[in-house]
C-alpha atoms as a PDB file:
ATOM      1  CA  UNK A   1       0.057   0.072   0.478  1.00  0.00           C
ATOM      2  CA  UNK A   2       1.212   3.744  -0.510  1.00  0.00           C
ATOM      3  CA  UNK A   3       1.074   6.275   1.837  1.00  0.00           C
ATOM      4  CA  UNK A   4       0.741   9.873   0.664  1.00  0.00           C
ATOM      5  CA  UNK A   5       4.040  12.075   2.272  1.00  0.00           C
ATOM      6  CA  UNK A   6       2.465  14.849   4.210  1.00  0.00           C
ATOM      7  CA  UNK A   7       4.800  18.372   3.604  1.00  0.00           C
ATOM      8  CA  UNK A   8       4.209  19.519   7.629  1.00  0.00           C
ATOM      9  CA  UNK A   9       5.774  16.593  10.288  1.00  0.00           C
ATOM     10  CA  UNK A  10       3.377  15.913  13.314  1.00  0.00           C
ATOM     11  CA  UNK A  11       3.425  13.537  15.711  1.00  0.00           C
ATOM     12  CA  UNK A  12       1.312  10.977  15.492  1.00  0.00           C
ATOM     13  CA  UNK A  13      -0.477  11.465  18.943  1.00  0.00           C
ATOM     14  CA  UNK A  14      -1.331  15.237  17.933  1.00  0.00           C
ATOM     15  CA  UNK A  15      -2.447  13.536  14.323  1.00  0.00           C
ATOM     16  CA  UNK A  16      -4.901  11.075  16.191  1.00  0.00           C
ATOM     17  CA  UNK A  17      -6.456  13.577  17.989  1.00  0.00           C
ATOM     18  CA  UNK A  18      -6.968  16.509  15.071  1.00  0.00           C
ATOM     19  CA  UNK A  19      -8.460  13.700  13.058  1.00  0.00           C
ATOM     20  CA  UNK A  20     -10.688  12.554  15.868  1.00  0.00           C
ATOM     21  CA  UNK A  21     -11.620  16.042  17.095  1.00  0.00           C
ATOM     22  CA  UNK A  22     -13.488  16.769  12.962  1.00  0.00           C
ATOM     23  CA  UNK A  23     -14.518  13.534  12.748  1.00  0.00           C
ATOM     24  CA  UNK A  24     -16.222  14.118  15.284  1.00  0.00           C
ATOM     25  CA  UNK A  25     -18.192  17.287  15.210  1.00  0.00           C
ATOM     26  CA  UNK A  26     -17.579  17.546  11.258  1.00  0.00           C
ATOM     27  CA  UNK A  27     -18.471  14.142  10.195  1.00  0.00           C
ATOM     28  CA  UNK A  28     -18.403  15.068   6.682  1.00  0.00           C
ATOM     29  CA  UNK A  29     -14.865  16.103   7.046  1.00  0.00           C
ATOM     30  CA  UNK A  30     -13.499  12.256   8.199  1.00  0.00           C
ATOM     31  CA  UNK A  31     -10.201  11.943   6.757  1.00  0.00           C
ATOM     32  CA  UNK A  32      -7.177   9.400   6.799  1.00  0.00           C
ATOM     33  CA  UNK A  33      -4.223  10.453   8.784  1.00  0.00           C
ATOM     34  CA  UNK A  34      -2.488  11.794   5.738  1.00  0.00           C
ATOM     35  CA  UNK A  35      -4.635  13.511   3.655  1.00  0.00           C
ATOM     36  CA  UNK A  36      -5.363  17.213   3.832  1.00  0.00           C
ATOM     37  CA  UNK A  37      -8.504  19.531   3.297  1.00  0.00           C
ATOM     38  CA  UNK A  38      -9.671  18.676  -0.268  1.00  0.00           C
ATOM     39  CA  UNK A  39     -12.546  22.150   0.613  1.00  0.00           C
ATOM     40  CA  UNK A  40      -9.749  24.715   1.571  1.00  0.00           C
ATOM     41  CA  UNK A  41      -8.274  26.733  -0.831  1.00  0.00           C
ATOM     42  CA  UNK A  42      -5.225  28.129   0.630  1.00  0.00           C
ATOM     43  CA  UNK A  43      -4.012  32.415  -0.640  1.00  0.00           C
ATOM     44  CA  UNK A  44      -1.767  34.597  -0.560  1.00  0.00           C
ATOM     45  CA  UNK A  45      -2.575  38.114   0.970  1.00  0.00           C
ATOM     46  CA  UNK A  46      -0.245  41.851  -0.256  1.00  0.00           C
ATOM     47  CA  UNK A  47       0.010  44.827  -0.356  1.00  0.00           C
ATOM     48  CA  UNK A  48       1.427  46.349  -2.615  1.00  0.00           C
ATOM     49  CA  UNK A  49       0.784  49.817  -0.975  1.00  0.00           C
ATOM     50  CA  UNK A  50      -2.419  50.642  -4.063  1.00  0.00           C
ATOM     51  CA  UNK A  51      -3.082  47.584  -4.073  1.00  0.00           C
ATOM     52  CA  UNK A  52      -4.542  44.460  -2.379  1.00  0.00           C
ATOM     53  CA  UNK A  53      -3.212  41.223  -4.507  1.00  0.00           C
ATOM     54  CA  UNK A  54      -4.506  37.480  -3.499  1.00  0.00           C
ATOM     55  CA  UNK A  55      -2.856  34.734  -5.407  1.00  0.00           C
ATOM     56  CA  UNK A  56      -4.100  30.813  -5.211  1.00  0.00           C
ATOM     57  CA  UNK A  57      -2.952  28.075  -6.879  1.00  0.00           C
ATOM     58  CA  UNK A  58      -5.175  26.477  -9.134  1.00  0.00           C
ATOM     59  CA  UNK A  59      -3.203  23.990 -10.582  1.00  0.00           C
ATOM     60  CA  UNK A  60      -5.371  21.794 -14.183  1.00  0.00           C
ATOM     61  CA  UNK A  61      -8.165  24.508 -13.245  1.00  0.00           C
ATOM     62  CA  UNK A  62     -10.778  25.320 -16.347  1.00  0.00           C
ATOM     63  CA  UNK A  63     -10.318  29.210 -15.756  1.00  0.00           C
ATOM     64  CA  UNK A  64     -14.551  29.287 -16.192  1.00  0.00           C
ATOM     65  CA  UNK A  65     -14.730  27.371 -13.374  1.00  0.00           C
ATOM     66  CA  UNK A  66     -13.576  29.681 -10.955  1.00  0.00           C
ATOM     67  CA  UNK A  67     -16.304  32.229  -9.508  1.00  0.00           C
ATOM     68  CA  UNK A  68     -14.550  35.282  -8.100  1.00  0.00           C
ATOM     69  CA  UNK A  69     -17.242  37.845  -6.178  1.00  0.00           C
ATOM     70  CA  UNK A  70     -16.524  41.306  -4.514  1.00  0.00           C
ATOM     71  CA  UNK A  71     -18.827  42.638  -1.756  1.00  0.00           C
ATOM     72  CA  UNK A  72     -18.004  45.453   0.376  1.00  0.00           C
ATOM     73  CA  UNK A  73     -14.805  44.430   1.570  1.00  0.00           C
ATOM     74  CA  UNK A  74     -14.886  40.557   1.315  1.00  0.00           C
ATOM     75  CA  UNK A  75     -13.747  38.862  -1.738  1.00  0.00           C
ATOM     76  CA  UNK A  76     -15.025  35.254  -2.072  1.00  0.00           C
ATOM     77  CA  UNK A  77     -13.816  32.850  -4.547  1.00  0.00           C
ATOM     78  CA  UNK A  78     -15.249  29.698  -5.392  1.00  0.00           C
ATOM     79  CA  UNK A  79     -13.409  26.631  -7.744  1.00  0.00           C
ATOM     80  CA  UNK A  80     -15.773  23.758  -9.041  1.00  0.00           C
ATOM     81  CA  UNK A  81     -12.826  21.607 -10.328  1.00  0.00           C
ATOM     82  CA  UNK A  82     -14.586  17.864 -12.754  1.00  0.00           C
ATOM     83  CA  UNK A  83     -12.089  15.796 -13.266  1.00  0.00           C
ATOM     84  CA  UNK A  84     -11.877  15.357 -17.222  1.00  0.00           C
ATOM     85  CA  UNK A  85     -10.952  10.651 -16.461  1.00  0.00           C
ATOM     86  CA  UNK A  86     -14.141  10.417 -14.257  1.00  0.00           C
ATOM     87  CA  UNK A  87     -14.876   7.211 -17.785  1.00  0.00           C
ATOM     88  CA  UNK A  88     -14.531   3.313 -15.758  1.00  0.00           C
ATOM     89  CA  UNK A  89     -10.918   2.064 -15.934  1.00  0.00           C
ATOM     90  CA  UNK A  90      -9.810  -2.054 -16.069  1.00  0.00           C
ATOM     91  CA  UNK A  91      -6.711  -0.854 -14.509  1.00  0.00           C
ATOM     92  CA  UNK A  92      -6.930  -0.603 -10.619  1.00  0.00           C
ATOM     93  CA  UNK A  93      -6.498   1.762  -8.897  1.00  0.00           C
ATOM     94  CA  UNK A  94      -4.286   1.445  -6.264  1.00  0.00           C
ATOM     95  CA  UNK A  95      -3.836   5.485  -4.650  1.00  0.00           C
ATOM     96  CA  UNK A  96      -6.819   9.009  -5.851  1.00  0.00           C
ATOM     97  CA  UNK A  97      -6.009  11.778  -4.792  1.00  0.00           C
ATOM     98  CA  UNK A  98      -7.106  14.707  -6.850  1.00  0.00           C
ATOM     99  CA  UNK A  99     -11.335  14.137  -6.431  1.00  0.00           C
ATOM    100  CA  UNK A 100     -13.692  15.818  -8.224  1.00  0.00           C
ATOM    101  CA  UNK A 101     -14.627  18.865  -5.556  1.00  0.00           C
ATOM    102  CA  UNK A 102     -15.706  22.049  -4.947  1.00  0.00           C
ATOM    103  CA  UNK A 103     -12.561  24.392  -3.668  1.00  0.00           C
ATOM    104  CA  UNK A 104     -14.648  27.224  -1.663  1.00  0.00           C
ATOM    105  CA  UNK A 105     -12.000  30.941   0.080  1.00  0.00           C
ATOM    106  CA  UNK A 106     -13.951  33.969   1.682  1.00  0.00           C
ATOM    107  CA  UNK A 107     -10.959  37.264   2.464  1.00  0.00           C
ATOM    108  CA  UNK A 108     -12.038  39.877   4.708  1.00  0.00           C
ATOM    109  CA  UNK A 109     -10.036  42.345   3.228  1.00  0.00           C
ATOM    110  CA  UNK A 110      -8.925  44.860   5.527  1.00  0.00           C
ATOM    111  CA  UNK A 111      -9.767  48.413   3.640  1.00  0.00           C
ATOM    112  CA  UNK A 112     -12.322  49.561   1.106  1.00  0.00           C
ATOM    113  CA  UNK A 113     -11.709  48.647  -2.538  1.00  0.00           C
ATOM    114  CA  UNK A 114     -12.595  49.977  -6.004  1.00  0.00           C
ATOM    115  CA  UNK A 115     -14.186  46.958  -7.212  1.00  0.00           C
ATOM    116  CA  UNK A 116     -14.171  48.986 -10.532  1.00  0.00           C
ATOM    117  CA  UNK A 117     -10.440  48.903 -11.097  1.00  0.00           C
ATOM    118  CA  UNK A 118     -10.489  45.752  -9.976  1.00  0.00           C
ATOM    119  CA  UNK A 119      -8.995  42.786 -12.672  1.00  0.00           C
ATOM    120  CA  UNK A 120      -7.478  38.893 -12.961  1.00  0.00           C
ATOM    121  CA  UNK A 121      -5.442  37.187 -14.616  1.00  0.00           C
ATOM    122  CA  UNK A 122      -4.644  33.187 -13.593  1.00  0.00           C
ATOM    123  CA  UNK A 123      -1.651  32.115 -15.873  1.00  0.00           C
ATOM    124  CA  UNK A 124       0.362  28.865 -14.920  1.00  0.00           C
ATOM    125  CA  UNK A 125      -1.665  28.134 -12.994  1.00  0.00           C
ATOM    126  CA  UNK A 126      -2.121  30.710 -10.902  1.00  0.00           C
ATOM    127  CA  UNK A 127      -4.689  32.883  -9.681  1.00  0.00           C
ATOM    128  CA  UNK A 128      -4.071  36.405  -8.968  1.00  0.00           C
ATOM    129  CA  UNK A 129      -6.434  39.427  -8.160  1.00  0.00           C
ATOM    130  CA  UNK A 130      -6.095  42.545  -8.194  1.00  0.00           C
ATOM    131  CA  UNK A 131      -7.975  45.141  -6.243  1.00  0.00           C
ATOM    132  CA  UNK A 132      -6.898  49.112  -5.877  1.00  0.00           C
ATOM    133  CA  UNK A 133      -7.599  50.720  -3.007  1.00  0.00           C
ATOM    134  CA  UNK A 134     -10.917  53.058  -3.240  1.00  0.00           C
ATOM    135  CA  UNK A 135      -9.410  56.611  -3.198  1.00  0.00           C
ATOM    136  CA  UNK A 136     -13.042  56.874  -0.873  1.00  0.00           C
ATOM    137  CA  UNK A 137     -11.580  54.992   1.941  1.00  0.00           C
ATOM    138  CA  UNK A 138      -8.645  57.657   2.908  1.00  0.00           C
ATOM    139  CA  UNK A 139      -8.700  59.622   6.264  1.00  0.00           C
ATOM    140  CA  UNK A 140     -10.029  63.083   5.227  1.00  0.00           C
ATOM    141  CA  UNK A 141      -9.958  65.673   7.515  1.00  0.00           C
ATOM    142  CA  UNK A 142     -12.747  67.420   8.091  1.00  0.00           C
ATOM    143  CA  UNK A 143     -12.338  70.864   9.349  1.00  0.00           C
ATOM    144  CA  UNK A 144     -14.983  73.062  11.762  1.00  0.00           C
ATOM    145  CA  UNK A 145     -16.228  75.567  10.562  1.00  0.00           C
END
């Protein structure tokens, strides 16, 4: 039997405890000790001074299956990943990690953004969303008259 290699090594007792707690409170997330959460979309959020830049690795994902929504100070990214090779095979399956799944991430942005000038791109499996900071969110001094 093949065993998965975790990039983050955990103590076996900690892994068992984490798995038991997660399985008890959220049965839909029952998994083996050597698997990972396939519904969580990891991102990088950076601030270049004028923009917030969000990057997410989405290798092999069709860009048309990505939905990006901006509502007030929240950015929501949803991905529906359907495998192309879902047909039955005569081969014996030894390891199956590539599954059709949905990923979702909602991020609260630190400041208001200009939604009219927001841009996104998808290059070599990396989604990049650029959100210009709103001029309205800058501090304005109001003199007393």
